[in-house]
Amino acid sequence: NPPLGTIVDHIVTKHRDWWDFFLFSQFVTHGTAWPTRYIVVRDDGMFREKLQSLTYKLTHMYYNCTGTVRVPAPCKYSFKLAYFVGEVIHQEPHPDWSNGLYFL
């Protein structure tokens, strides 16, 4: 398996309409590591290296894990929130909850 933080952004990712990259961000003890593919849908001129570095750093920010996760923490949180609202409370969350991670 490649080392954590390995980024593949050339040869296999060349596309004429957008740029994308693969990131290996999760430590795997058994089996083969799978990279996560990121497709940049809006390019505001941020340097590619900075965006890739930010993406990797955000995989370290998930509170429920001491290591890295496969996707950036904000993506994981949004998935958990959508699941919680759809499967558990079946309504809009109370406004007082907006500043907390109640869905964890």
PDB file of N, CA and C in Angstrom:
ATOM      1  N   ASN A   1       0.837  -1.191   0.000  1.00  0.00           N
ATOM      2  CA  ASN A   1       0.000   0.000   0.000  1.00  0.00           C
ATOM      3  C   ASN A   1       0.880   1.252   0.000  1.00  0.00           C
ATOM      4  N   PRO A   2       0.426   2.297  -0.672  1.00  0.00           N
ATOM      5  CA  PRO A   2       1.208   3.537  -0.676  1.00  0.00           C
ATOM      6  C   PRO A   2       1.141   4.221   0.687  1.00  0.00           C
ATOM      7  N   PRO A   3       2.088   5.095   0.979  1.00  0.00           N
ATOM      8  CA  PRO A   3       2.065   5.815   2.247  1.00  0.00           C
ATOM      9  C   PRO A   3       0.861   6.761   2.333  1.00  0.00           C
ATOM     10  N   LEU A   4       0.450   7.065   3.573  1.00  0.00           N
ATOM     11  CA  LEU A   4      -0.647   8.011   3.767  1.00  0.00           C
ATOM     12  C   LEU A   4      -0.303   9.348   3.124  1.00  0.00           C
ATOM     13  N   GLY A   5      -1.291   9.970   2.523  1.00  0.00           N
ATOM     14  CA  GLY A   5      -1.090  11.262   1.888  1.00  0.00           C
ATOM     15  C   GLY A   5      -0.634  11.183   0.450  1.00  0.00           C
ATOM     16  N   THR A   6      -0.489   9.986  -0.089  1.00  0.00           N
ATOM     17  CA  THR A   6      -0.076   9.839  -1.482  1.00  0.00           C
ATOM     18  C   THR A   6      -1.161  10.386  -2.396  1.00  0.00           C
ATOM     19  N   ILE A   7      -0.745  11.219  -3.338  1.00  0.00           N
ATOM     20  CA  ILE A   7      -1.676  11.838  -4.285  1.00  0.00           C
ATOM     21  C   ILE A   7      -1.274  11.445  -5.697  1.00  0.00           C
ATOM     22  N   VAL A   8      -2.255  11.045  -6.474  1.00  0.00           N
ATOM     23  CA  VAL A   8      -2.051  10.755  -7.892  1.00  0.00           C
ATOM     24  C   VAL A   8      -2.862  11.794  -8.654  1.00  0.00           C
ATOM     25  N   ASP A   9      -2.156  12.660  -9.385  1.00  0.00           N
ATOM     26  CA  ASP A   9      -2.862  13.726 -10.097  1.00  0.00           C
ATOM     27  C   ASP A   9      -2.361  13.914 -11.528  1.00  0.00           C
ATOM     28  N   HIS A  10      -1.767  12.889 -12.074  1.00  0.00           N
ATOM     29  CA  HIS A  10      -1.327  12.968 -13.465  1.00  0.00           C
ATOM     30  C   HIS A  10      -1.420  11.586 -14.111  1.00  0.00           C
ATOM     31  N   ILE A  11      -1.295  11.538 -15.368  1.00  0.00           N
ATOM     32  CA  ILE A  11      -1.364  10.349 -16.223  1.00  0.00           C
ATOM     33  C   ILE A  11      -2.757   9.714 -16.193  1.00  0.00           C
ATOM     34  N   VAL A  12      -3.184   9.116 -15.090  1.00  0.00           N
ATOM     35  CA  VAL A  12      -4.492   8.445 -15.050  1.00  0.00           C
ATOM     36  C   VAL A  12      -5.637   9.422 -14.811  1.00  0.00           C
ATOM     37  N   THR A  13      -5.338  10.690 -14.555  1.00  0.00           N
ATOM     38  CA  THR A  13      -6.393  11.647 -14.230  1.00  0.00           C
ATOM     39  C   THR A  13      -6.545  12.755 -15.257  1.00  0.00           C
ATOM     40  N   LYS A  14      -5.912  12.636 -16.379  1.00  0.00           N
ATOM     41  CA  LYS A  14      -5.996  13.715 -17.369  1.00  0.00           C
ATOM     42  C   LYS A  14      -7.375  13.762 -18.012  1.00  0.00           C
ATOM     43  N   HIS A  15      -7.997  14.921 -17.910  1.00  0.00           N
ATOM     44  CA  HIS A  15      -9.285  15.153 -18.546  1.00  0.00           C
ATOM     45  C   HIS A  15      -9.288  16.584 -19.043  1.00  0.00           C
ATOM     46  N   ARG A  16      -9.874  16.825 -20.163  1.00  0.00           N
ATOM     47  CA  ARG A  16      -9.793  18.165 -20.739  1.00  0.00           C
ATOM     48  C   ARG A  16     -10.787  19.154 -20.154  1.00  0.00           C
ATOM     49  N   ASP A  17     -11.860  18.689 -19.504  1.00  0.00           N
ATOM     50  CA  ASP A  17     -12.877  19.598 -18.989  1.00  0.00           C
ATOM     51  C   ASP A  17     -12.755  19.903 -17.499  1.00  0.00           C
ATOM     52  N   TRP A  18     -12.012  19.118 -16.740  1.00  0.00           N
ATOM     53  CA  TRP A  18     -11.846  19.368 -15.309  1.00  0.00           C
ATOM     54  C   TRP A  18     -10.547  18.737 -14.842  1.00  0.00           C
ATOM     55  N   TRP A  19     -10.180  19.047 -13.627  1.00  0.00           N
ATOM     56  CA  TRP A  19      -9.033  18.343 -13.055  1.00  0.00           C
ATOM     57  C   TRP A  19      -9.482  17.578 -11.826  1.00  0.00           C
ATOM     58  N   ASP A  20      -8.826  16.472 -11.614  1.00  0.00           N
ATOM     59  CA  ASP A  20      -9.179  15.600 -10.504  1.00  0.00           C
ATOM     60  C   ASP A  20      -7.908  14.980  -9.946  1.00  0.00           C
ATOM     61  N   PHE A  21      -8.047  14.329  -8.814  1.00  0.00           N
ATOM     62  CA  PHE A  21      -6.910  13.648  -8.206  1.00  0.00           C
ATOM     63  C   PHE A  21      -7.412  12.529  -7.310  1.00  0.00           C
ATOM     64  N   PHE A  22      -6.530  11.596  -7.046  1.00  0.00           N
ATOM     65  CA  PHE A  22      -6.798  10.496  -6.124  1.00  0.00           C
ATOM     66  C   PHE A  22      -5.934  10.705  -4.889  1.00  0.00           C
ATOM     67  N   LEU A  23      -6.519  10.429  -3.712  1.00  0.00           N
ATOM     68  CA  LEU A  23      -5.804  10.608  -2.455  1.00  0.00           C
ATOM     69  C   LEU A  23      -5.927   9.354  -1.606  1.00  0.00           C
ATOM     70  N   PHE A  24      -4.797   8.845  -1.165  1.00  0.00           N
ATOM     71  CA  PHE A  24      -4.769   7.741  -0.202  1.00  0.00           C
ATOM     72  C   PHE A  24      -4.650   8.370   1.180  1.00  0.00           C
ATOM     73  N   SER A  25      -5.740   8.379   1.942  1.00  0.00           N
ATOM     74  CA  SER A  25      -5.713   9.072   3.229  1.00  0.00           C
ATOM     75  C   SER A  25      -5.984   8.170   4.417  1.00  0.00           C
ATOM     76  N   GLN A  26      -6.338   6.924   4.180  1.00  0.00           N
ATOM     77  CA  GLN A  26      -6.727   6.051   5.286  1.00  0.00           C
ATOM     78  C   GLN A  26      -5.725   4.919   5.448  1.00  0.00           C
ATOM     79  N   PHE A  27      -5.291   4.699   6.685  1.00  0.00           N
ATOM     80  CA  PHE A  27      -4.359   3.616   6.988  1.00  0.00           C
ATOM     81  C   PHE A  27      -5.102   2.288   6.956  1.00  0.00           C
ATOM     82  N   VAL A  28      -4.546   1.319   6.252  1.00  0.00           N
ATOM     83  CA  VAL A  28      -5.177   0.008   6.117  1.00  0.00           C
ATOM     84  C   VAL A  28      -4.236  -1.044   6.692  1.00  0.00           C
ATOM     85  N   THR A  29      -4.744  -1.843   7.637  1.00  0.00           N
ATOM     86  CA  THR A  29      -3.913  -2.895   8.230  1.00  0.00           C
ATOM     87  C   THR A  29      -4.095  -4.232   7.520  1.00  0.00           C
ATOM     88  N   HIS A  30      -5.255  -4.447   6.924  1.00  0.00           N
ATOM     89  CA  HIS A  30      -5.532  -5.697   6.209  1.00  0.00           C
ATOM     90  C   HIS A  30      -6.067  -5.357   4.825  1.00  0.00           C
ATOM     91  N   GLY A  31      -5.564  -6.013   3.825  1.00  0.00           N
ATOM     92  CA  GLY A  31      -6.080  -5.805   2.480  1.00  0.00           C
ATOM     93  C   GLY A  31      -5.376  -4.673   1.752  1.00  0.00           C
ATOM     94  N   THR A  32      -6.074  -4.145   0.778  1.00  0.00           N
ATOM     95  CA  THR A  32      -5.522  -3.130  -0.102  1.00  0.00           C
ATOM     96  C   THR A  32      -6.177  -1.786   0.149  1.00  0.00           C
ATOM     97  N   ALA A  33      -5.376  -0.741   0.178  1.00  0.00           N
ATOM     98  CA  ALA A  33      -5.901   0.616   0.345  1.00  0.00           C
ATOM     99  C   ALA A  33      -6.580   1.063  -0.945  1.00  0.00           C
ATOM    100  N   TRP A  34      -7.722   1.716  -0.799  1.00  0.00           N
ATOM    101  CA  TRP A  34      -8.447   2.267  -1.937  1.00  0.00           C
ATOM    102  C   TRP A  34      -8.355   3.781  -1.877  1.00  0.00           C
ATOM    103  N   PRO A  35      -7.948   4.419  -2.965  1.00  0.00           N
ATOM    104  CA  PRO A  35      -7.901   5.880  -2.941  1.00  0.00           C
ATOM    105  C   PRO A  35      -9.303   6.461  -3.104  1.00  0.00           C
ATOM    106  N   THR A  36      -9.434   7.694  -2.695  1.00  0.00           N
ATOM    107  CA  THR A  36     -10.676   8.425  -2.919  1.00  0.00           C
ATOM    108  C   THR A  36     -10.430   9.388  -4.070  1.00  0.00           C
ATOM    109  N   ARG A  37     -11.365   9.439  -5.007  1.00  0.00           N
ATOM    110  CA  ARG A  37     -11.228  10.329  -6.154  1.00  0.00           C
ATOM    111  C   ARG A  37     -11.938  11.635  -5.855  1.00  0.00           C
ATOM    112  N   TYR A  38     -11.271  12.732  -6.138  1.00  0.00           N
ATOM    113  CA  TYR A  38     -11.830  14.066  -5.964  1.00  0.00           C
ATOM    114  C   TYR A  38     -11.860  14.746  -7.326  1.00  0.00           C
ATOM    115  N   ILE A  39     -13.026  15.241  -7.702  1.00  0.00           N
ATOM    116  CA  ILE A  39     -13.186  15.981  -8.951  1.00  0.00           C
ATOM    117  C   ILE A  39     -13.459  17.430  -8.581  1.00  0.00           C
ATOM    118  N   VAL A  40     -12.637  18.321  -9.068  1.00  0.00           N
ATOM    119  CA  VAL A  40     -12.788  19.741  -8.764  1.00  0.00           C
ATOM    120  C   VAL A  40     -13.813  20.314  -9.734  1.00  0.00           C
ATOM    121  N   VAL A  41     -14.965  20.700  -9.198  1.00  0.00           N
ATOM    122  CA  VAL A  41     -16.046  21.191 -10.050  1.00  0.00           C
ATOM    123  C   VAL A  41     -16.014  22.707 -10.208  1.00  0.00           C
ATOM    124  N   ARG A  42     -15.285  23.381  -9.336  1.00  0.00           N
ATOM    125  CA  ARG A  42     -15.153  24.827  -9.457  1.00  0.00           C
ATOM    126  C   ARG A  42     -13.713  25.195  -9.145  1.00  0.00           C
ATOM    127  N   ASP A  43     -13.071  25.815 -10.095  1.00  0.00           N
ATOM    128  CA  ASP A  43     -11.673  26.195  -9.936  1.00  0.00           C
ATOM    129  C   ASP A  43     -11.594  27.698  -9.734  1.00  0.00           C
ATOM    130  N   ASP A  44     -11.318  28.113  -8.495  1.00  0.00           N
ATOM    131  CA  ASP A  44     -11.205  29.533  -8.168  1.00  0.00           C
ATOM    132  C   ASP A  44      -9.766  30.028  -8.246  1.00  0.00           C
ATOM    133  N   GLY A  45      -8.911  29.234  -8.818  1.00  0.00           N
ATOM    134  CA  GLY A  45      -7.526  29.631  -8.963  1.00  0.00           C
ATOM    135  C   GLY A  45      -6.635  29.227  -7.801  1.00  0.00           C
ATOM    136  N   MET A  46      -7.167  28.476  -6.843  1.00  0.00           N
ATOM    137  CA  MET A  46      -6.336  27.989  -5.739  1.00  0.00           C
ATOM    138  C   MET A  46      -5.295  27.034  -6.324  1.00  0.00           C
ATOM    139  N   PHE A  47      -4.111  27.110  -5.808  1.00  0.00           N
ATOM    140  CA  PHE A  47      -3.079  26.201  -6.284  1.00  0.00           C
ATOM    141  C   PHE A  47      -3.478  24.761  -5.997  1.00  0.00           C
ATOM    142  N   ARG A  48      -3.223  23.910  -6.938  1.00  0.00           N
ATOM    143  CA  ARG A  48      -3.611  22.506  -6.795  1.00  0.00           C
ATOM    144  C   ARG A  48      -2.996  21.871  -5.554  1.00  0.00           C
ATOM    145  N   GLU A  49      -1.733  22.158  -5.319  1.00  0.00           N
ATOM    146  CA  GLU A  49      -1.059  21.566  -4.163  1.00  0.00           C
ATOM    147  C   GLU A  49      -1.726  21.991  -2.858  1.00  0.00           C
ATOM    148  N   LYS A  50      -2.172  23.240  -2.779  1.00  0.00           N
ATOM    149  CA  LYS A  50      -2.835  23.724  -1.560  1.00  0.00           C
ATOM    150  C   LYS A  50      -4.177  23.034  -1.358  1.00  0.00           C
ATOM    151  N   LEU A  51      -4.936  22.872  -2.420  1.00  0.00           N
ATOM    152  CA  LEU A  51      -6.232  22.199  -2.310  1.00  0.00           C
ATOM    153  C   LEU A  51      -6.040  20.732  -1.923  1.00  0.00           C
ATOM    154  N   GLN A  52      -5.071  20.083  -2.516  1.00  0.00           N
ATOM    155  CA  GLN A  52      -4.800  18.687  -2.178  1.00  0.00           C
ATOM    156  C   GLN A  52      -4.332  18.558  -0.728  1.00  0.00           C
ATOM    157  N   SER A  53      -3.502  19.468  -0.279  1.00  0.00           N
ATOM    158  CA  SER A  53      -3.027  19.451   1.103  1.00  0.00           C
ATOM    159  C   SER A  53      -4.172  19.704   2.078  1.00  0.00           C
ATOM    160  N   LEU A  54      -5.027  20.664   1.770  1.00  0.00           N
ATOM    161  CA  LEU A  54      -6.189  20.947   2.620  1.00  0.00           C
ATOM    162  C   LEU A  54      -7.107  19.732   2.698  1.00  0.00           C
ATOM    163  N   THR A  55      -7.339  19.095   1.574  1.00  0.00           N
ATOM    164  CA  THR A  55      -8.184  17.903   1.542  1.00  0.00           C
ATOM    165  C   THR A  55      -7.615  16.817   2.441  1.00  0.00           C
ATOM    166  N   TYR A  56      -6.317  16.583   2.350  1.00  0.00           N
ATOM    167  CA  TYR A  56      -5.687  15.559   3.186  1.00  0.00           C
ATOM    168  C   TYR A  56      -5.759  15.934   4.665  1.00  0.00           C
ATOM    169  N   LYS A  57      -5.509  17.188   4.989  1.00  0.00           N
ATOM    170  CA  LYS A  57      -5.553  17.620   6.392  1.00  0.00           C
ATOM    171  C   LYS A  57      -6.953  17.474   6.976  1.00  0.00           C
ATOM    172  N   LEU A  58      -7.979  17.701   6.173  1.00  0.00           N
ATOM    173  CA  LEU A  58      -9.353  17.566   6.667  1.00  0.00           C
ATOM    174  C   LEU A  58      -9.731  16.115   6.952  1.00  0.00           C
ATOM    175  N   THR A  59      -8.996  15.163   6.401  1.00  0.00           N
ATOM    176  CA  THR A  59      -9.273  13.758   6.729  1.00  0.00           C
ATOM    177  C   THR A  59      -8.805  13.411   8.139  1.00  0.00           C
ATOM    178  N   HIS A  60      -8.032  14.295   8.758  1.00  0.00           N
ATOM    179  CA  HIS A  60      -7.560  14.100  10.134  1.00  0.00           C
ATOM    180  C   HIS A  60      -8.503  14.722  11.160  1.00  0.00           C
ATOM    181  N   MET A  61      -9.533  15.424  10.739  1.00  0.00           N
ATOM    182  CA  MET A  61     -10.348  16.242  11.633  1.00  0.00           C
ATOM    183  C   MET A  61     -11.640  15.584  12.098  1.00  0.00           C
ATOM    184  N   TYR A  62     -11.825  14.322  11.845  1.00  0.00           N
ATOM    185  CA  TYR A  62     -13.052  13.646  12.249  1.00  0.00           C
ATOM    186  C   TYR A  62     -12.939  13.225  13.709  1.00  0.00           C
ATOM    187  N   TYR A  63     -13.879  13.696  14.545  1.00  0.00           N
ATOM    188  CA  TYR A  63     -13.797  13.509  15.998  1.00  0.00           C
ATOM    189  C   TYR A  63     -13.919  12.056  16.450  1.00  0.00           C
ATOM    190  N   ASN A  64     -14.631  11.234  15.732  1.00  0.00           N
ATOM    191  CA  ASN A  64     -14.876   9.859  16.173  1.00  0.00           C
ATOM    192  C   ASN A  64     -13.747   8.897  15.834  1.00  0.00           C
ATOM    193  N   CYS A  65     -12.658   9.386  15.314  1.00  0.00           N
ATOM    194  CA  CYS A  65     -11.558   8.518  14.893  1.00  0.00           C
ATOM    195  C   CYS A  65     -10.229   9.149  15.296  1.00  0.00           C
ATOM    196  N   THR A  66      -9.326   8.346  15.827  1.00  0.00           N
ATOM    197  CA  THR A  66      -8.027   8.887  16.228  1.00  0.00           C
ATOM    198  C   THR A  66      -7.070   9.026  15.050  1.00  0.00           C
ATOM    199  N   GLY A  67      -7.346   8.361  13.966  1.00  0.00           N
ATOM    200  CA  GLY A  67      -6.503   8.455  12.784  1.00  0.00           C
ATOM    201  C   GLY A  67      -7.195   9.255  11.695  1.00  0.00           C
ATOM    202  N   THR A  68      -6.894   8.892  10.477  1.00  0.00           N
ATOM    203  CA  THR A  68      -7.516   9.562   9.343  1.00  0.00           C
ATOM    204  C   THR A  68      -8.732   8.774   8.878  1.00  0.00           C
ATOM    205  N   VAL A  69      -9.601   9.451   8.162  1.00  0.00           N
ATOM    206  CA  VAL A  69     -10.753   8.805   7.542  1.00  0.00           C
ATOM    207  C   VAL A  69     -10.607   8.937   6.036  1.00  0.00           C
ATOM    208  N   ARG A  70     -11.447   8.254   5.306  1.00  0.00           N
ATOM    209  CA  ARG A  70     -11.293   8.200   3.853  1.00  0.00           C
ATOM    210  C   ARG A  70     -11.660   9.511   3.159  1.00  0.00           C
ATOM    211  N   VAL A  71     -12.635  10.229   3.694  1.00  0.00           N
ATOM    212  CA  VAL A  71     -13.071  11.492   3.095  1.00  0.00           C
ATOM    213  C   VAL A  71     -12.867  12.618   4.103  1.00  0.00           C
ATOM    214  N   PRO A  72     -12.805  13.872   3.666  1.00  0.00           N
ATOM    215  CA  PRO A  72     -12.656  14.982   4.608  1.00  0.00           C
ATOM    216  C   PRO A  72     -13.796  15.012   5.627  1.00  0.00           C
ATOM    217  N   ALA A  73     -13.472  15.435   6.835  1.00  0.00           N
ATOM    218  CA  ALA A  73     -14.436  15.436   7.932  1.00  0.00           C
ATOM    219  C   ALA A  73     -15.742  16.161   7.593  1.00  0.00           C
ATOM    220  N   PRO A  74     -15.733  17.339   6.956  1.00  0.00           N
ATOM    221  CA  PRO A  74     -17.018  17.987   6.645  1.00  0.00           C
ATOM    222  C   PRO A  74     -17.930  17.117   5.770  1.00  0.00           C
ATOM    223  N   CYS A  75     -17.357  16.342   4.870  1.00  0.00           N
ATOM    224  CA  CYS A  75     -18.163  15.437   4.040  1.00  0.00           C
ATOM    225  C   CYS A  75     -18.760  14.323   4.888  1.00  0.00           C
ATOM    226  N   LYS A  76     -17.967  13.774   5.780  1.00  0.00           N
ATOM    227  CA  LYS A  76     -18.444  12.701   6.652  1.00  0.00           C
ATOM    228  C   LYS A  76     -19.532  13.215   7.594  1.00  0.00           C
ATOM    229  N   TYR A  77     -19.336  14.420   8.143  1.00  0.00           N
ATOM    230  CA  TYR A  77     -20.348  15.009   9.025  1.00  0.00           C
ATOM    231  C   TYR A  77     -21.653  15.264   8.280  1.00  0.00           C
ATOM    232  N   SER A  78     -21.574  15.758   7.062  1.00  0.00           N
ATOM    233  CA  SER A  78     -22.803  16.040   6.312  1.00  0.00           C
ATOM    234  C   SER A  78     -23.562  14.757   5.999  1.00  0.00           C
ATOM    235  N   PHE A  79     -22.846  13.683   5.705  1.00  0.00           N
ATOM    236  CA  PHE A  79     -23.504  12.403   5.464  1.00  0.00           C
ATOM    237  C   PHE A  79     -24.203  11.918   6.728  1.00  0.00           C
ATOM    238  N   LYS A  80     -23.513  11.994   7.867  1.00  0.00           N
ATOM    239  CA  LYS A  80     -24.108  11.543   9.131  1.00  0.00           C
ATOM    240  C   LYS A  80     -25.326  12.388   9.499  1.00  0.00           C
ATOM    241  N   LEU A  81     -25.246  13.698   9.256  1.00  0.00           N
ATOM    242  CA  LEU A  81     -26.373  14.582   9.551  1.00  0.00           C
ATOM    243  C   LEU A  81     -27.570  14.245   8.676  1.00  0.00           C
ATOM    244  N   ALA A  82     -27.341  14.064   7.383  1.00  0.00           N
ATOM    245  CA  ALA A  82     -28.440  13.725   6.479  1.00  0.00           C
ATOM    246  C   ALA A  82     -29.076  12.396   6.871  1.00  0.00           C
ATOM    247  N   TYR A  83     -28.264  11.423   7.221  1.00  0.00           N
ATOM    248  CA  TYR A  83     -28.794  10.128   7.646  1.00  0.00           C
ATOM    249  C   TYR A  83     -29.611  10.275   8.928  1.00  0.00           C
ATOM    250  N   PHE A  84     -29.089  11.019   9.894  1.00  0.00           N
ATOM    251  CA  PHE A  84     -29.774  11.189  11.172  1.00  0.00           C
ATOM    252  C   PHE A  84     -31.121  11.882  10.988  1.00  0.00           C
ATOM    253  N   VAL A  85     -31.150  12.945  10.213  1.00  0.00           N
ATOM    254  CA  VAL A  85     -32.401  13.676   9.988  1.00  0.00           C
ATOM    255  C   VAL A  85     -33.399  12.801   9.250  1.00  0.00           C
ATOM    256  N   GLY A  86     -32.949  12.082   8.238  1.00  0.00           N
ATOM    257  CA  GLY A  86     -33.856  11.260   7.444  1.00  0.00           C
ATOM    258  C   GLY A  86     -34.342  10.006   8.132  1.00  0.00           C
ATOM    259  N   GLU A  87     -33.506   9.390   8.953  1.00  0.00           N
ATOM    260  CA  GLU A  87     -33.850   8.103   9.552  1.00  0.00           C
ATOM    261  C   GLU A  87     -34.306   8.178  11.004  1.00  0.00           C
ATOM    262  N   VAL A  88     -33.949   9.238  11.712  1.00  0.00           N
ATOM    263  CA  VAL A  88     -34.235   9.271  13.143  1.00  0.00           C
ATOM    264  C   VAL A  88     -35.273  10.318  13.508  1.00  0.00           C
ATOM    265  N   ILE A  89     -35.023  11.593  13.163  1.00  0.00           N
ATOM    266  CA  ILE A  89     -35.950  12.624  13.644  1.00  0.00           C
ATOM    267  C   ILE A  89     -37.055  12.955  12.651  1.00  0.00           C
ATOM    268  N   HIS A  90     -36.891  12.626  11.393  1.00  0.00           N
ATOM    269  CA  HIS A  90     -37.926  12.787  10.359  1.00  0.00           C
ATOM    270  C   HIS A  90     -38.482  14.208  10.275  1.00  0.00           C
ATOM    271  N   GLN A  91     -37.700  15.189  10.634  1.00  0.00           N
ATOM    272  CA  GLN A  91     -38.116  16.589  10.523  1.00  0.00           C
ATOM    273  C   GLN A  91     -36.871  17.463  10.565  1.00  0.00           C
ATOM    274  N   GLU A  92     -37.062  18.754  10.358  1.00  0.00           N
ATOM    275  CA  GLU A  92     -35.944  19.681  10.447  1.00  0.00           C
ATOM    276  C   GLU A  92     -35.416  19.700  11.881  1.00  0.00           C
ATOM    277  N   PRO A  93     -34.088  19.738  12.066  1.00  0.00           N
ATOM    278  CA  PRO A  93     -33.539  19.819  13.419  1.00  0.00           C
ATOM    279  C   PRO A  93     -33.932  21.133  14.097  1.00  0.00           C
ATOM    280  N   HIS A  94     -34.035  21.114  15.397  1.00  0.00           N
ATOM    281  CA  HIS A  94     -34.366  22.317  16.156  1.00  0.00           C
ATOM    282  C   HIS A  94     -33.244  23.339  15.979  1.00  0.00           C
ATOM    283  N   PRO A  95     -33.580  24.635  15.794  1.00  0.00           N
ATOM    284  CA  PRO A  95     -32.547  25.659  15.575  1.00  0.00           C
ATOM    285  C   PRO A  95     -31.509  25.744  16.702  1.00  0.00           C
ATOM    286  N   ASP A  96     -31.894  25.414  17.921  1.00  0.00           N
ATOM    287  CA  ASP A  96     -30.936  25.470  19.034  1.00  0.00           C
ATOM    288  C   ASP A  96     -29.827  24.432  18.894  1.00  0.00           C
ATOM    289  N   TRP A  97     -30.017  23.441  18.064  1.00  0.00           N
ATOM    290  CA  TRP A  97     -29.026  22.387  17.879  1.00  0.00           C
ATOM    291  C   TRP A  97     -27.959  22.745  16.849  1.00  0.00           C
ATOM    292  N   SER A  98     -28.112  23.853  16.166  1.00  0.00           N
ATOM    293  CA  SER A  98     -27.272  24.157  15.011  1.00  0.00           C
ATOM    294  C   SER A  98     -25.785  24.311  15.331  1.00  0.00           C
ATOM    295  N   ASN A  99     -25.429  24.590  16.560  1.00  0.00           N
ATOM    296  CA  ASN A  99     -24.015  24.784  16.895  1.00  0.00           C
ATOM    297  C   ASN A  99     -23.345  23.547  17.473  1.00  0.00           C
ATOM    298  N   GLY A 100     -24.050  22.437  17.526  1.00  0.00           N
ATOM    299  CA  GLY A 100     -23.477  21.231  18.109  1.00  0.00           C
ATOM    300  C   GLY A 100     -23.456  20.064  17.139  1.00  0.00           C
ATOM    301  N   LEU A 101     -22.683  19.071  17.479  1.00  0.00           N
ATOM    302  CA  LEU A 101     -22.601  17.859  16.662  1.00  0.00           C
ATOM    303  C   LEU A 101     -23.522  16.798  17.249  1.00  0.00           C
ATOM    304  N   TYR A 102     -24.799  17.141  17.395  1.00  0.00           N
ATOM    305  CA  TYR A 102     -25.787  16.275  18.036  1.00  0.00           C
ATOM    306  C   TYR A 102     -26.010  14.969  17.286  1.00  0.00           C
ATOM    307  N   PHE A 103     -25.684  14.921  16.027  1.00  0.00           N
ATOM    308  CA  PHE A 103     -25.958  13.752  15.194  1.00  0.00           C
ATOM    309  C   PHE A 103     -24.888  12.679  15.312  1.00  0.00           C
ATOM    310  N   LEU A 104     -23.831  12.944  16.064  1.00  0.00           N
ATOM    311  CA  LEU A 104     -22.794  11.927  16.235  1.00  0.00           C
ATOM    312  C   LEU A 104     -23.241  10.949  17.270  1.00  0.00           C
TER     313      LEU A 104
END
